[in-house]
Amino acid sequence: MESKRVVVVGQGYVGLPLAMLAVEKGHDVIGYDVDDSRIEALENATSFVEDVSDIEVADALATGRYRPSVDSNSLAGFDVIVITVPTPLRETLPDLSYVEAATRTLARYLRHGATVILESTTYPGTTEDVLGPMIDELTGLRAGHDYHLGFSPERIDPGNHTFGLRNTPKVVAGIDPSSLEAIKGFYDSVLDADADGKAITVPVSTPKEAELAKLLENTFRHVNIALVNELAMFGHDLGINVWEAIDAAGTKPFGYMKFTPGPGVGGHCLPIDPSYLSWQVRRRLGRAFRFVELANDINDHMPDYVTDRLIHALNDRMIALNGARILLLGLAYKANTSDARESPALAVAERLLKMGARVRAVDPHLSEAHRLDPSITLVTVSDEELIKADAVVLLTDHADFDLAHIADTADLVLDTRNKMSGESVELL
């Protein structure tokens, strides 16, 4: 394999694992980020991404082929640059400002024959209609003629110990055949082959198909989670155990995929990515993507539903939420990770605080450094905390929690994950 000078722009949940794997496979890698504290931590072999250990960062640094940097001059001479920066929503509109800032930076160092790859999730057309023209204007070079350009959507699933970057099939696309060949070649050099020794890259015709594929994956999950969330609300009102019904349906070996309710959706993908697709459909076609907009409405209001259920449970015990001591279990959006991006647990906490509750929270994966609302008191699980709480709400089912003991000790538990049982437990 020919070693390349690779720049990964953004050293977060997507960029850092890619940088580590590229170093392991023999490439020289610059991990570029504009966050000084993040780069300083990496220079000291400290990882803030749970899927990448401190030892992995230390080993990468020891090779001399990984250099974290905030200095844009470190990009000079790159062969491949991969953009893995955030693409948030700002007041319901796609925000490409981080992508545009990265583009302006890389354009200063782009040379003939280099390859530019966008991994950040975005709406169909971004690579060809926004990124390429912007680079061409800034550099005077032509995409597909002077440099390679394409899109390869990230498929990082924090905390997944079965499928990681190295063994998850990777969709790849280029704006022309030579770009596709260059992009596929890079990822083939980084990812593990399958059991038969074949590459796990999945080429598609154009970046638009790759961009849509990523949005389709997350929209599928978003819509189906909204379906079971609404079923959970109706099931409670009808006196039906929706969890038992879901488990029963899940025994069907064909034509059904199991999804479960919860307090809402979190992370970068589900609360945001489907809205990129809905926005593009409305902008280009003037029509509503009704499935996405309905799913947004249901999932966005699940924290309200959790709060309402808690109010009713407290009322049954003649306790007002205003002034009540509430212990939240889990603030991350996903179990066994520290990823609190767009976490519905934080939305629940915000609503409880606004209603006058005294909110305390337990999350062994989070700390004050995660910039939580200072009104939330972080504590550890103890019998004293459980006994003094007017209610305990399980929002994120971390493996660290002794759920059986919690159910036996607490007076009232609202379980939004169907992980507990007992006289004190109410299921969502």
Protein backbone atom coordinates (compact mmCIF):
# COMPACT_ATOMS: atom_id res chain seq x y z
CA MET A 1 0.00 0.00 0.00
CA GLU A 2 1.22 3.47 -0.88
CA SER A 3 1.39 5.64 2.23
CA LYS A 4 -0.40 8.96 1.81
CA ARG A 5 -0.39 12.25 3.67
CA VAL A 6 -3.92 12.35 5.04
CA VAL A 7 -5.63 15.25 6.78
CA VAL A 8 -8.77 14.58 8.82
CA VAL A 9 -10.59 17.84 9.54
CA GLY A 10 -12.43 17.47 12.82
CA GLN A 11 -11.22 15.18 15.62
CA GLY A 12 -14.55 14.22 17.17
CA TYR A 13 -16.72 11.09 17.17
CA VAL A 14 -16.20 10.60 13.42
CA GLY A 15 -12.81 12.11 12.67
CA LEU A 16 -10.75 10.69 15.52
CA PRO A 17 -11.55 7.00 14.84
CA LEU A 18 -10.76 7.58 11.16
CA ALA A 19 -7.45 9.24 12.02
CA MET A 20 -6.47 6.38 14.33
CA LEU A 21 -7.32 3.71 11.77
CA ALA A 22 -5.50 5.52 8.96
CA VAL A 23 -2.36 5.72 11.12
CA GLU A 24 -2.66 2.03 11.99
CA LYS A 25 -2.83 1.20 8.28
CA GLY A 26 0.37 3.12 7.55
CA HIS A 27 -0.70 6.60 6.47
CA ASP A 28 0.78 9.85 7.75
CA VAL A 29 -2.12 11.69 9.38
CA ILE A 30 -2.75 15.24 10.48
CA GLY A 31 -5.68 15.44 12.88
CA TYR A 32 -6.79 19.03 12.35
CA ASP A 33 -9.27 20.76 14.62
CA VAL A 34 -9.93 24.37 15.57
CA ASP A 35 -10.60 23.43 19.23
CA ASP A 36 -7.36 24.19 21.12
CA SER A 37 -8.36 22.17 24.19
CA ARG A 38 -9.23 19.13 22.08
CA ILE A 39 -5.88 19.20 20.29
CA GLU A 40 -3.98 19.75 23.52
CA ALA A 41 -5.69 16.70 25.01
CA LEU A 42 -4.78 14.58 21.99
CA GLU A 43 -1.18 15.77 22.12
CA ASN A 44 -1.14 14.43 25.68
CA ALA A 45 -2.67 11.11 24.58
CA THR A 46 -6.03 11.86 26.14
CA SER A 47 -9.09 10.76 24.18
CA PHE A 48 -12.53 12.27 24.73
CA VAL A 49 -14.17 9.72 22.42
CA GLU A 50 -15.03 6.49 24.24
CA ASP A 51 -14.57 4.36 21.13
CA VAL A 52 -10.93 5.50 21.03
CA SER A 53 -8.83 4.73 24.09
CA ASP A 54 -5.98 6.83 25.48
CA ILE A 55 -3.67 3.91 24.65
CA GLU A 56 -4.70 4.04 20.99
CA VAL A 57 -3.91 7.75 20.82
CA ALA A 58 -0.58 7.18 22.59
CA ASP A 59 0.31 4.39 20.15
CA ALA A 60 -0.61 6.59 17.19
CA LEU A 61 1.55 9.43 18.52
CA ALA A 62 4.42 7.02 19.13
CA THR A 63 4.50 6.03 15.46
CA GLY A 64 5.37 9.61 14.54
CA ARG A 65 2.68 9.39 11.86
CA TYR A 66 -0.11 11.09 13.80
CA ARG A 67 0.04 14.78 14.53
CA PRO A 68 -2.92 16.61 16.08
CA SER A 69 -2.84 20.26 15.12
CA VAL A 70 -4.71 23.57 15.26
CA ASP A 71 -2.25 25.12 12.79
CA SER A 72 -3.78 25.27 9.32
CA ASN A 73 -0.28 25.29 7.82
CA SER A 74 -0.03 21.64 8.80
CA LEU A 75 -2.42 20.86 5.92
CA ALA A 76 0.23 21.73 3.32
CA GLY A 77 1.10 18.91 0.96
CA PHE A 78 -1.90 16.70 1.68
CA ASP A 79 -2.81 13.85 -0.66
CA VAL A 80 -6.22 13.16 0.88
CA ILE A 81 -8.34 15.42 3.05
CA VAL A 82 -11.48 14.19 4.78
CA ILE A 83 -13.99 16.68 6.19
CA THR A 84 -15.75 15.33 9.31
CA VAL A 85 -17.12 18.52 10.85
CA PRO A 86 -20.60 19.05 12.37
CA THR A 87 -23.60 19.96 10.21
CA PRO A 88 -26.18 21.17 12.76
CA LEU A 89 -29.57 22.75 12.28
CA ARG A 90 -29.96 26.45 13.06
CA GLU A 91 -33.58 27.38 13.65
CA THR A 92 -34.66 24.32 11.61
CA LEU A 93 -32.38 25.25 8.66
CA PRO A 94 -29.25 23.30 7.59
CA ASP A 95 -26.06 24.99 8.76
CA LEU A 96 -23.06 24.30 6.51
CA SER A 97 -20.89 26.95 8.14
CA TYR A 98 -18.43 24.38 9.54
CA VAL A 99 -18.12 22.70 6.15
CA GLU A 100 -17.63 26.06 4.45
CA ALA A 101 -14.98 27.09 6.98
CA ALA A 102 -13.12 23.80 6.44
CA THR A 103 -13.36 24.32 2.67
CA ARG A 104 -11.85 27.80 2.87
CA THR A 105 -8.98 26.39 4.91
CA LEU A 106 -8.22 23.40 2.71
CA ALA A 107 -8.45 25.50 -0.47
CA ARG A 108 -5.25 27.31 0.54
CA TYR A 109 -3.32 24.05 0.34
CA LEU A 110 -5.09 22.11 -2.42
CA ARG A 111 -2.78 20.90 -5.19
CA HIS A 112 -3.18 19.00 -8.44
CA GLY A 113 -4.04 15.34 -7.98
CA ALA A 114 -5.20 15.62 -4.36
CA THR A 115 -8.47 14.11 -3.11
CA VAL A 116 -11.17 15.92 -1.14
CA ILE A 117 -13.80 13.80 0.64
CA LEU A 118 -16.82 15.05 2.57
CA GLU A 119 -18.11 12.72 5.31
CA SER A 120 -20.33 15.20 7.15
CA THR A 121 -24.03 14.37 6.78
CA THR A 122 -25.86 16.82 4.56
CA TYR A 123 -28.60 17.17 1.97
CA PRO A 124 -28.32 15.66 -1.54
CA GLY A 125 -26.41 17.98 -3.85
CA THR A 126 -24.06 19.52 -1.29
CA THR A 127 -20.87 17.93 -2.67
CA GLU A 128 -21.51 18.84 -6.29
CA ASP A 129 -23.48 22.07 -5.91
CA VAL A 130 -21.81 23.67 -2.90
CA LEU A 131 -18.45 22.11 -2.03
CA GLY A 132 -17.05 21.68 -5.55
CA PRO A 133 -17.98 25.14 -6.88
CA MET A 134 -16.66 26.76 -3.70
CA ILE A 135 -13.29 25.02 -3.99
CA ASP A 136 -13.08 25.79 -7.72
CA GLU A 137 -13.76 29.48 -7.09
CA LEU A 138 -11.22 29.71 -4.27
CA THR A 139 -8.43 27.83 -6.04
CA GLY A 140 -8.94 28.24 -9.77
CA LEU A 141 -8.72 24.46 -10.06
CA ARG A 142 -11.47 22.27 -11.50
CA ALA A 143 -13.06 19.39 -9.61
CA GLY A 144 -12.72 16.13 -11.52
CA HIS A 145 -10.01 17.61 -13.74
CA ASP A 146 -7.37 18.99 -11.38
CA TYR A 147 -8.38 17.26 -8.16
CA HIS A 148 -10.66 14.45 -7.01
CA LEU A 149 -13.88 15.16 -5.13
CA GLY A 150 -16.55 12.99 -3.57
CA PHE A 151 -18.69 11.99 -0.63
CA SER A 152 -18.61 9.05 1.77
CA PRO A 153 -21.15 9.16 4.61
CA GLU A 154 -19.98 8.32 8.11
CA ARG A 155 -21.56 5.32 9.80
CA ILE A 156 -20.16 5.71 13.30
CA ASP A 157 -22.31 4.17 16.03
CA PRO A 158 -20.89 5.23 19.42
CA GLY A 159 -20.55 2.37 21.87
CA ASN A 160 -21.13 -0.35 19.27
CA HIS A 161 -18.50 -3.01 19.96
CA THR A 162 -19.60 -5.29 17.12
CA PHE A 163 -19.56 -2.91 14.18
CA GLY A 164 -16.99 -0.13 14.11
CA LEU A 165 -15.33 1.91 11.42
CA ARG A 166 -12.96 -0.84 10.33
CA ASN A 167 -15.62 -3.50 9.57
CA THR A 168 -18.72 -1.51 8.58
CA PRO A 169 -19.38 -1.31 4.81
CA LYS A 170 -18.56 2.19 3.54
CA VAL A 171 -20.59 3.89 0.81
CA VAL A 172 -18.30 5.86 -1.52
CA ALA A 173 -19.01 8.21 -4.42
CA GLY A 174 -17.06 10.54 -6.67
CA ILE A 175 -18.10 13.27 -9.05
CA ASP A 176 -16.43 11.36 -11.90
CA PRO A 177 -14.85 7.91 -12.41
CA SER A 178 -11.34 9.02 -11.48
CA SER A 179 -12.59 10.64 -8.27
CA LEU A 180 -14.50 7.48 -7.35
CA GLU A 181 -11.40 5.38 -7.98
CA ALA A 182 -9.27 7.62 -5.76
CA ILE A 183 -11.83 7.72 -2.94
CA LYS A 184 -12.52 4.00 -3.06
CA GLY A 185 -8.78 3.33 -3.10
CA PHE A 186 -8.25 5.41 0.04
CA TYR A 187 -10.98 3.68 2.04
CA ASP A 188 -9.93 0.26 0.76
CA SER A 189 -6.50 1.01 2.23
CA VAL A 190 -8.01 1.90 5.60
CA LEU A 191 -10.90 -0.52 6.17
CA ASP A 192 -10.58 -4.23 6.85
CA ALA A 193 -11.58 -6.63 4.09
CA ASP A 194 -14.46 -9.06 4.58
CA ALA A 195 -14.03 -12.75 5.42
CA ASP A 196 -13.40 -13.53 1.75
CA GLY A 197 -10.76 -10.83 1.43
CA LYS A 198 -13.01 -8.51 -0.56
CA ALA A 199 -13.19 -4.75 0.00
CA ILE A 200 -16.20 -3.54 1.98
CA THR A 201 -16.51 -0.23 0.16
CA VAL A 202 -19.85 0.21 -1.64
CA PRO A 203 -19.55 2.42 -4.75
CA VAL A 204 -22.59 4.38 -5.95
CA SER A 205 -23.13 6.43 -9.09
CA THR A 206 -22.85 9.99 -7.79
CA PRO A 207 -22.48 11.85 -4.49
CA LYS A 208 -26.22 12.59 -4.50
CA GLU A 209 -27.03 8.88 -4.14
CA ALA A 210 -24.49 8.57 -1.31
CA GLU A 211 -25.87 11.67 0.42
CA LEU A 212 -29.41 10.34 0.12
CA ALA A 213 -28.38 6.87 1.34
CA LYS A 214 -27.14 8.35 4.60
CA LEU A 215 -30.33 10.33 5.11
CA LEU A 216 -32.44 7.28 4.22
CA GLU A 217 -30.70 5.16 6.87
CA ASN A 218 -31.44 7.66 9.62
CA THR A 219 -34.90 8.61 8.39
CA PHE A 220 -35.86 4.93 8.47
CA ARG A 221 -34.88 4.73 12.14
CA HIS A 222 -36.42 8.10 12.97
CA VAL A 223 -39.81 7.21 11.48
CA ASN A 224 -39.96 3.77 13.08
CA ILE A 225 -38.99 5.11 16.50
CA ALA A 226 -41.73 7.72 16.14
CA LEU A 227 -44.19 4.91 15.33
CA VAL A 228 -43.46 2.99 18.53
CA ASN A 229 -43.30 6.18 20.59
CA GLU A 230 -46.82 7.06 19.51
CA LEU A 231 -47.91 3.47 20.13
CA ALA A 232 -46.51 3.72 23.65
CA MET A 233 -48.62 6.79 24.37
CA PHE A 234 -51.79 5.22 22.96
CA GLY A 235 -51.05 1.89 24.61
CA HIS A 236 -50.81 3.51 28.04
CA ASP A 237 -54.12 5.33 27.57
CA LEU A 238 -55.77 2.10 26.36
CA GLY A 239 -54.38 0.05 29.22
CA ILE A 240 -52.23 -2.13 26.92
CA ASN A 241 -48.66 -3.17 27.69
CA VAL A 242 -47.03 -1.96 24.48
CA TRP A 243 -43.65 -3.38 25.50
CA GLU A 244 -45.10 -6.88 25.65
CA ALA A 245 -46.75 -6.36 22.27
CA ILE A 246 -43.45 -5.19 20.75
CA ASP A 247 -41.60 -8.21 22.15
CA ALA A 248 -44.28 -10.51 20.76
CA ALA A 249 -44.09 -8.90 17.31
CA GLY A 250 -40.32 -9.23 17.47
CA THR A 251 -40.56 -13.02 17.41
CA LYS A 252 -41.59 -12.88 13.76
CA PRO A 253 -38.51 -13.96 11.76
CA PHE A 254 -39.40 -12.02 8.60
CA GLY A 255 -41.06 -8.77 7.54
CA TYR A 256 -40.56 -7.01 10.89
CA MET A 257 -37.74 -5.13 12.59
CA LYS A 258 -37.97 -4.35 16.28
CA PHE A 259 -37.86 -0.75 17.48
CA THR A 260 -38.56 0.36 21.04
CA PRO A 261 -40.00 3.54 22.59
CA GLY A 262 -38.03 5.97 24.72
CA PRO A 263 -37.86 9.55 25.98
CA GLY A 264 -37.03 10.88 22.50
CA VAL A 265 -34.17 10.67 20.02
CA GLY A 266 -30.66 12.03 20.40
CA GLY A 267 -27.19 12.19 18.94
CA HIS A 268 -26.29 14.06 15.80
CA CYS A 269 -28.16 11.76 13.42
CA LEU A 270 -31.82 11.22 14.26
CA PRO A 271 -32.85 14.66 15.54
CA ILE A 272 -31.09 16.39 12.63
CA ASP A 273 -30.40 14.30 9.52
CA PRO A 274 -34.01 13.61 8.42
CA SER A 275 -34.70 17.34 8.61
CA TYR A 276 -31.96 17.91 6.01
CA LEU A 277 -33.90 15.69 3.63
CA SER A 278 -37.23 17.31 4.46
CA TRP A 279 -35.73 20.77 3.94
CA GLN A 280 -34.28 19.83 0.55
CA VAL A 281 -37.57 18.30 -0.64
CA ARG A 282 -39.49 21.41 0.36
CA ARG A 283 -36.86 23.75 -1.13
CA ARG A 284 -36.45 21.95 -4.45
CA LEU A 285 -39.89 20.45 -4.99
CA GLY A 286 -42.14 22.69 -2.91
CA ARG A 287 -43.66 19.67 -1.18
CA ALA A 288 -43.69 18.41 2.39
CA PHE A 289 -41.95 15.18 3.36
CA ARG A 290 -44.84 14.23 5.60
CA PHE A 291 -43.30 11.14 7.18
CA VAL A 292 -40.28 13.12 8.39
CA GLU A 293 -42.31 16.07 9.63
CA LEU A 294 -44.70 13.77 11.52
CA ALA A 295 -41.80 11.82 13.01
CA ASN A 296 -40.14 15.08 14.08
CA ASP A 297 -43.34 16.18 15.78
CA ILE A 298 -43.76 12.91 17.70
CA ASN A 299 -40.13 12.43 18.72
CA ASP A 300 -39.58 16.09 19.60
CA HIS A 301 -42.51 15.96 22.03
CA MET A 302 -41.51 12.76 23.84
CA PRO A 303 -39.70 14.74 26.59
CA ASP A 304 -43.02 16.56 27.17
CA TYR A 305 -44.81 13.23 27.41
CA VAL A 306 -42.25 11.89 29.91
CA THR A 307 -42.71 15.03 32.00
CA ASP A 308 -46.51 14.69 31.88
CA ARG A 309 -46.32 11.05 32.93
CA LEU A 310 -44.11 12.00 35.85
CA ILE A 311 -46.51 14.76 36.91
CA HIS A 312 -49.42 12.30 36.93
CA ALA A 313 -47.43 9.69 38.84
CA LEU A 314 -46.52 12.26 41.49
CA ASN A 315 -50.09 13.55 41.66
CA ASP A 316 -51.28 10.04 42.43
CA ARG A 317 -49.06 10.27 45.51
CA MET A 318 -50.28 13.82 46.30
CA ILE A 319 -46.89 15.33 45.47
CA ALA A 320 -46.49 18.46 43.35
CA LEU A 321 -43.71 18.56 40.78
CA ASN A 322 -42.87 22.12 41.86
CA GLY A 323 -40.35 21.60 44.64
CA ALA A 324 -40.16 17.82 44.18
CA ARG A 325 -36.75 16.16 44.29
CA ILE A 326 -36.26 14.24 41.04
CA LEU A 327 -33.36 11.89 40.37
CA LEU A 328 -32.61 11.29 36.70
CA LEU A 329 -30.67 8.17 35.72
CA GLY A 330 -28.61 8.86 32.59
CA LEU A 331 -28.12 12.06 30.62
CA ALA A 332 -26.32 10.75 27.53
CA TYR A 333 -28.51 10.02 24.54
CA LYS A 334 -27.26 6.45 24.29
CA ALA A 335 -26.41 3.80 26.86
CA ASN A 336 -22.78 3.28 27.86
CA THR A 337 -21.48 6.38 26.07
CA SER A 338 -20.74 9.97 27.05
CA ASP A 339 -22.43 11.32 23.93
CA ALA A 340 -25.00 13.87 25.11
CA ARG A 341 -25.52 15.61 21.76
CA GLU A 342 -29.22 16.47 21.35
CA SER A 343 -29.98 14.12 24.25
CA PRO A 344 -33.68 13.84 25.12
CA ALA A 345 -32.64 13.30 28.75
CA LEU A 346 -31.32 16.87 28.82
CA ALA A 347 -34.61 18.06 27.33
CA VAL A 348 -36.49 16.27 30.12
CA ALA A 349 -34.22 17.86 32.71
CA GLU A 350 -34.81 21.30 31.20
CA ARG A 351 -38.58 20.90 31.37
CA LEU A 352 -38.47 19.69 34.98
CA LEU A 353 -36.30 22.61 36.02
CA LYS A 354 -38.66 25.08 34.40
CA MET A 355 -41.53 23.57 36.39
CA GLY A 356 -39.69 24.07 39.65
CA ALA A 357 -38.37 20.58 40.30
CA ARG A 358 -35.09 20.07 42.12
CA VAL A 359 -33.22 18.00 39.57
CA ARG A 360 -30.38 15.69 40.45
CA ALA A 361 -28.80 13.35 37.93
CA VAL A 362 -26.54 10.34 37.79
CA ASP A 363 -24.42 9.62 34.74
CA PRO A 364 -21.11 7.83 35.25
CA HIS A 365 -20.05 8.75 31.72
CA LEU A 366 -20.55 12.51 32.06
CA SER A 367 -19.00 15.23 34.18
CA GLU A 368 -19.23 18.99 34.66
CA ALA A 369 -16.77 19.27 31.77
CA HIS A 370 -19.59 18.31 29.40
CA ARG A 371 -21.15 21.77 29.93
CA LEU A 372 -24.36 20.61 31.49
CA ASP A 373 -26.97 23.00 32.86
CA PRO A 374 -25.50 24.18 36.19
CA SER A 375 -28.96 23.80 37.73
CA ILE A 376 -28.57 20.02 37.38
CA THR A 377 -26.76 18.57 40.38
CA LEU A 378 -24.59 15.61 39.38
CA VAL A 379 -24.50 12.92 42.06
CA THR A 380 -23.67 9.22 42.40
CA VAL A 381 -26.20 6.48 43.00
CA SER A 382 -26.64 5.82 46.71
CA ASP A 383 -29.42 4.55 48.93
CA GLU A 384 -29.67 8.04 50.41
CA GLU A 385 -30.23 9.59 46.98
CA LEU A 386 -32.79 6.95 46.05
CA ILE A 387 -34.72 7.24 49.32
CA LYS A 388 -34.77 11.05 49.37
CA ALA A 389 -35.95 11.29 45.74
CA ASP A 390 -39.67 11.87 45.27
CA ALA A 391 -39.24 10.12 41.93
CA VAL A 392 -36.51 8.41 39.94
CA VAL A 393 -36.62 8.53 36.14
CA LEU A 394 -34.60 6.07 34.06
CA LEU A 395 -33.71 7.90 30.85
CA THR A 396 -30.50 6.16 29.73
CA ASP A 397 -29.97 2.54 30.67
CA HIS A 398 -26.22 2.51 31.34
CA ALA A 399 -24.84 -0.89 32.32
CA ASP A 400 -23.33 0.75 35.42
CA PHE A 401 -26.75 1.05 37.06
CA ASP A 402 -27.91 -1.68 39.44
CA LEU A 403 -31.48 -1.43 38.23
CA ALA A 404 -32.87 -4.20 40.41
CA HIS A 405 -31.54 -2.49 43.56
CA ILE A 406 -32.84 0.88 42.38
CA ALA A 407 -36.32 -0.57 41.82
CA ASP A 408 -36.29 -2.14 45.28
CA THR A 409 -35.08 1.03 47.03
CA ALA A 410 -36.84 3.95 45.32
CA ASP A 411 -40.42 4.85 46.20
CA LEU A 412 -41.39 5.76 42.61
CA VAL A 413 -39.61 4.95 39.35
CA LEU A 414 -40.64 6.01 35.86
CA ASP A 415 -38.81 3.67 33.49
CA THR A 416 -38.66 4.97 29.91
CA ARG A 417 -36.56 2.01 28.68
CA ASN A 418 -38.45 -1.07 29.93
CA LYS A 419 -35.46 -2.27 31.95
CA MET A 420 -36.99 -2.48 35.44
CA SER A 421 -39.81 -4.21 37.25
CA GLY A 422 -41.41 -4.06 40.67
CA GLU A 423 -44.21 -2.43 42.59
CA SER A 424 -42.55 1.00 42.50
CA VAL A 425 -41.96 0.95 38.72
CA GLU A 426 -44.14 2.53 36.05
CA LEU A 427 -43.24 1.87 32.41
CA LEU A 428 -43.45 4.55 29.75
